[in-house]
Amino acid sequence: MKQEAADQIVVLAEGVVAEKGNHETLMKKHGLYRKLVDFQTESANWKLL
């Protein structure tokens, strides 16, 4: 994933900075960023019928 190479990622929620850091740090927090990455990973395997 390209976000893993980013020096800093800023996550916005309702127009406010909710989290910021690099991929590794944000994944360890188990916050909004982690939820978004997990949803993206899960949806990669979805099949439309």
N, C-alpha and C. Protein backbone atom coordinates (compact mmCIF):
# COMPACT_ATOMS: atom_id res chain seq x y z
N MET A 1 0.83 -1.18 0.00
CA MET A 1 0.00 0.00 0.00
C MET A 1 0.88 1.25 0.00
N LYS A 2 0.44 2.25 -0.69
CA LYS A 2 1.22 3.48 -0.79
C LYS A 2 1.27 4.26 0.51
N GLN A 3 0.21 4.17 1.32
CA GLN A 3 0.20 4.94 2.56
C GLN A 3 1.30 4.48 3.51
N GLU A 4 1.77 3.28 3.38
CA GLU A 4 2.83 2.77 4.24
C GLU A 4 4.14 3.52 4.02
N ALA A 5 4.31 4.12 2.86
CA ALA A 5 5.54 4.84 2.54
C ALA A 5 5.47 6.31 2.93
N ALA A 6 4.31 6.79 3.36
CA ALA A 6 4.15 8.21 3.69
C ALA A 6 4.89 8.55 4.98
N ASP A 7 5.52 9.72 5.00
CA ASP A 7 6.18 10.20 6.22
C ASP A 7 5.17 10.56 7.29
N GLN A 8 4.05 11.15 6.85
CA GLN A 8 3.01 11.54 7.80
C GLN A 8 1.65 11.43 7.13
N ILE A 9 0.70 10.91 7.87
CA ILE A 9 -0.68 10.77 7.41
C ILE A 9 -1.54 11.57 8.37
N VAL A 10 -2.47 12.35 7.82
CA VAL A 10 -3.39 13.13 8.64
C VAL A 10 -4.80 12.61 8.38
N VAL A 11 -5.48 12.22 9.44
CA VAL A 11 -6.84 11.69 9.34
C VAL A 11 -7.80 12.77 9.84
N LEU A 12 -8.75 13.14 8.98
CA LEU A 12 -9.74 14.14 9.34
C LEU A 12 -11.07 13.47 9.67
N ALA A 13 -11.75 13.98 10.68
CA ALA A 13 -13.09 13.54 11.04
C ALA A 13 -13.92 14.77 11.33
N GLU A 14 -14.95 14.95 10.55
CA GLU A 14 -15.83 16.11 10.70
C GLU A 14 -15.05 17.43 10.62
N GLY A 15 -14.08 17.48 9.71
CA GLY A 15 -13.32 18.70 9.48
C GLY A 15 -12.23 19.00 10.49
N VAL A 16 -11.97 18.07 11.39
CA VAL A 16 -10.98 18.27 12.45
C VAL A 16 -9.95 17.15 12.36
N VAL A 17 -8.70 17.47 12.65
CA VAL A 17 -7.65 16.45 12.66
C VAL A 17 -7.93 15.48 13.81
N ALA A 18 -8.19 14.23 13.45
CA ALA A 18 -8.50 13.21 14.45
C ALA A 18 -7.23 12.46 14.88
N GLU A 19 -6.34 12.23 13.92
CA GLU A 19 -5.10 11.50 14.19
C GLU A 19 -4.05 11.95 13.18
N LYS A 20 -2.80 11.84 13.57
CA LYS A 20 -1.73 12.04 12.60
C LYS A 20 -0.51 11.26 13.05
N GLY A 21 0.25 10.83 12.07
CA GLY A 21 1.44 10.03 12.32
C GLY A 21 1.78 9.23 11.08
N ASN A 22 2.73 8.33 11.19
CA ASN A 22 3.03 7.47 10.04
C ASN A 22 2.14 6.22 10.11
N HIS A 23 2.20 5.40 9.08
CA HIS A 23 1.34 4.21 8.99
C HIS A 23 1.48 3.32 10.22
N GLU A 24 2.70 3.01 10.58
CA GLU A 24 2.95 2.09 11.69
C GLU A 24 2.37 2.62 13.01
N THR A 25 2.61 3.89 13.29
CA THR A 25 2.11 4.49 14.52
C THR A 25 0.58 4.50 14.57
N LEU A 26 -0.04 4.88 13.46
CA LEU A 26 -1.50 4.94 13.42
C LEU A 26 -2.14 3.56 13.51
N MET A 27 -1.50 2.55 12.94
CA MET A 27 -2.04 1.19 13.04
C MET A 27 -2.01 0.70 14.48
N LYS A 28 -0.98 1.07 15.22
CA LYS A 28 -0.86 0.64 16.62
C LYS A 28 -1.90 1.30 17.52
N LYS A 29 -2.42 2.48 17.12
CA LYS A 29 -3.40 3.20 17.93
C LYS A 29 -4.79 2.56 17.90
N HIS A 30 -5.06 1.77 16.87
CA HIS A 30 -6.38 1.13 16.70
C HIS A 30 -7.50 2.16 16.67
N GLY A 31 -7.26 3.31 16.04
CA GLY A 31 -8.25 4.37 15.94
C GLY A 31 -8.94 4.37 14.59
N LEU A 32 -9.35 5.56 14.15
CA LEU A 32 -10.08 5.72 12.90
C LEU A 32 -9.26 5.26 11.70
N TYR A 33 -7.99 5.61 11.66
CA TYR A 33 -7.13 5.19 10.55
C TYR A 33 -7.11 3.67 10.44
N ARG A 34 -6.93 3.00 11.55
CA ARG A 34 -6.89 1.53 11.56
C ARG A 34 -8.20 0.96 11.04
N LYS A 35 -9.33 1.55 11.45
CA LYS A 35 -10.63 1.08 10.97
C LYS A 35 -10.73 1.23 9.45
N LEU A 36 -10.29 2.37 8.93
CA LEU A 36 -10.35 2.61 7.49
C LEU A 36 -9.49 1.61 6.71
N VAL A 37 -8.28 1.36 7.21
CA VAL A 37 -7.39 0.40 6.55
C VAL A 37 -8.00 -1.00 6.61
N ASP A 38 -8.55 -1.37 7.75
CA ASP A 38 -9.18 -2.69 7.90
C ASP A 38 -10.36 -2.85 6.94
N PHE A 39 -11.21 -1.82 6.83
CA PHE A 39 -12.34 -1.87 5.89
C PHE A 39 -11.85 -2.01 4.46
N GLN A 40 -10.81 -1.27 4.12
CA GLN A 40 -10.27 -1.33 2.76
C GLN A 40 -9.73 -2.73 2.47
N THR A 41 -9.03 -3.30 3.42
CA THR A 41 -8.47 -4.64 3.25
C THR A 41 -9.57 -5.69 3.10
N GLU A 42 -10.60 -5.60 3.94
CA GLU A 42 -11.72 -6.54 3.86
C GLU A 42 -12.46 -6.41 2.54
N SER A 43 -12.69 -5.19 2.10
CA SER A 43 -13.48 -4.98 0.88
C SER A 43 -12.75 -5.44 -0.38
N ALA A 44 -11.45 -5.58 -0.32
CA ALA A 44 -10.68 -6.05 -1.48
C ALA A 44 -11.10 -7.45 -1.88
N ASN A 45 -11.65 -8.21 -0.93
CA ASN A 45 -12.06 -9.59 -1.20
C ASN A 45 -13.55 -9.73 -1.48
N TRP A 46 -14.29 -8.64 -1.48
CA TRP A 46 -15.73 -8.71 -1.75
C TRP A 46 -15.97 -9.09 -3.21
N LYS A 47 -17.04 -9.83 -3.40
CA LYS A 47 -17.47 -10.21 -4.75
C LYS A 47 -18.92 -9.78 -4.92
N LEU A 48 -19.20 -9.11 -6.00
CA LEU A 48 -20.57 -8.69 -6.30
C LEU A 48 -21.27 -9.80 -7.04
N LEU A 49 -22.47 -10.08 -6.60
CA LEU A 49 -23.24 -11.16 -7.23
C LEU A 49 -24.31 -10.61 -8.13
